Amino acid sequence: TKIITSHTEYTSSYNLGKFKDMLVNHPFFQVHRSYIFNLNSILRYESSGVVIMVNKMEIPVARNVKNDFLQLFEGHL
């Protein structure tokens, strides 16, 4: 698993599910089978189904979680 922070990148042998479990009480959300991110690091959501992070990285939002994410994202602003 690749972990990207605002300062550096890390690699871990833990799978994404392990990180999801560890971050349950923090403002993180899994928007795709390959991505969990900090809700505080979102710059904007585009109607094309992509989240733009503060570091300009583009992350796709899976169709099956789009509505849940949008409700959470709107409540987090």
Protein backbone atom coordinates (compact mmCIF):
# COMPACT_ATOMS: atom_id res chain seq x y z
CA THR A 1 0.00 0.00 0.00
CA LYS A 2 1.31 3.43 -0.92
CA ILE A 3 0.63 6.17 1.63
CA ILE A 4 0.91 9.73 0.38
CA THR A 5 1.03 12.60 2.85
CA SER A 6 1.49 16.29 2.24
CA HIS A 7 5.20 15.86 2.90
CA THR A 8 6.28 12.41 1.71
CA GLU A 9 5.34 8.94 0.44
CA TYR A 10 5.53 5.67 2.37
CA THR A 11 5.08 2.04 1.39
CA SER A 12 3.49 -0.48 3.75
CA SER A 13 2.93 -4.22 3.68
CA TYR A 14 -0.52 -3.71 5.24
CA ASN A 15 -3.44 -3.93 2.86
CA LEU A 16 -5.98 -1.15 2.40
CA GLY A 17 -8.50 -2.90 4.66
CA LYS A 18 -6.07 -2.73 7.58
CA PHE A 19 -5.71 1.03 7.14
CA LYS A 20 -9.47 1.43 6.81
CA ASP A 21 -9.88 -0.34 10.18
CA MET A 22 -7.18 1.80 11.82
CA LEU A 23 -8.75 5.05 10.56
CA VAL A 24 -12.35 4.34 11.54
CA ASN A 25 -12.43 7.21 14.11
CA HIS A 26 -10.73 9.71 11.82
CA PRO A 27 -12.01 11.82 8.88
CA PHE A 28 -11.07 9.29 6.19
CA PHE A 29 -13.30 7.78 3.51
CA GLN A 30 -12.81 5.00 0.98
CA VAL A 31 -14.07 6.31 -2.37
CA HIS A 32 -12.65 3.54 -4.53
CA ARG A 33 -11.25 0.07 -3.98
CA SER A 34 -7.78 1.58 -4.33
CA TYR A 35 -8.16 4.85 -2.41
CA ILE A 36 -8.83 6.03 1.13
CA PHE A 37 -8.24 9.70 1.79
CA ASN A 38 -8.47 12.36 4.44
CA LEU A 39 -11.62 14.44 3.97
CA ASN A 40 -9.69 17.48 5.22
CA SER A 41 -7.37 17.23 2.19
CA ILE A 42 -10.03 17.65 -0.50
CA LEU A 43 -9.79 20.72 -2.67
CA ARG A 44 -12.97 20.05 -4.68
CA TYR A 45 -15.25 17.41 -6.18
CA GLU A 46 -15.88 17.51 -9.91
CA SER A 47 -19.13 16.33 -11.48
CA SER A 48 -17.12 13.93 -13.66
CA GLY A 49 -16.74 11.80 -10.51
CA VAL A 50 -13.24 12.86 -9.53
CA VAL A 51 -11.96 14.35 -6.29
CA ILE A 52 -9.14 16.89 -6.55
CA MET A 53 -6.88 16.80 -3.53
CA VAL A 54 -4.91 19.77 -2.16
CA ASN A 55 -1.76 18.29 -3.71
CA LYS A 56 -3.60 18.35 -7.12
CA MET A 57 -3.86 14.54 -7.23
CA GLU A 58 -7.06 13.33 -8.93
CA ILE A 59 -8.88 10.40 -7.30
CA PRO A 60 -11.85 8.64 -8.90
CA VAL A 61 -15.03 8.14 -6.89
CA ALA A 62 -16.62 4.73 -7.48
CA ARG A 63 -20.23 4.80 -8.65
CA ASN A 64 -21.38 2.53 -5.82
CA VAL A 65 -20.18 4.97 -3.11
CA LYS A 66 -20.80 8.26 -4.91
CA ASN A 67 -24.05 9.13 -3.08
CA ASP A 68 -22.60 8.23 0.35
CA PHE A 69 -19.50 10.27 -0.38
CA LEU A 70 -21.47 13.31 -1.58
CA GLN A 71 -23.62 13.28 1.57
CA LEU A 72 -20.52 12.99 3.75
CA PHE A 73 -18.60 15.57 1.71
CA GLU A 74 -21.45 18.10 1.92
CA GLY A 75 -21.68 17.59 5.67
CA HIS A 76 -17.95 17.99 6.07
CA LEU A 77 -17.68 21.42 4.42
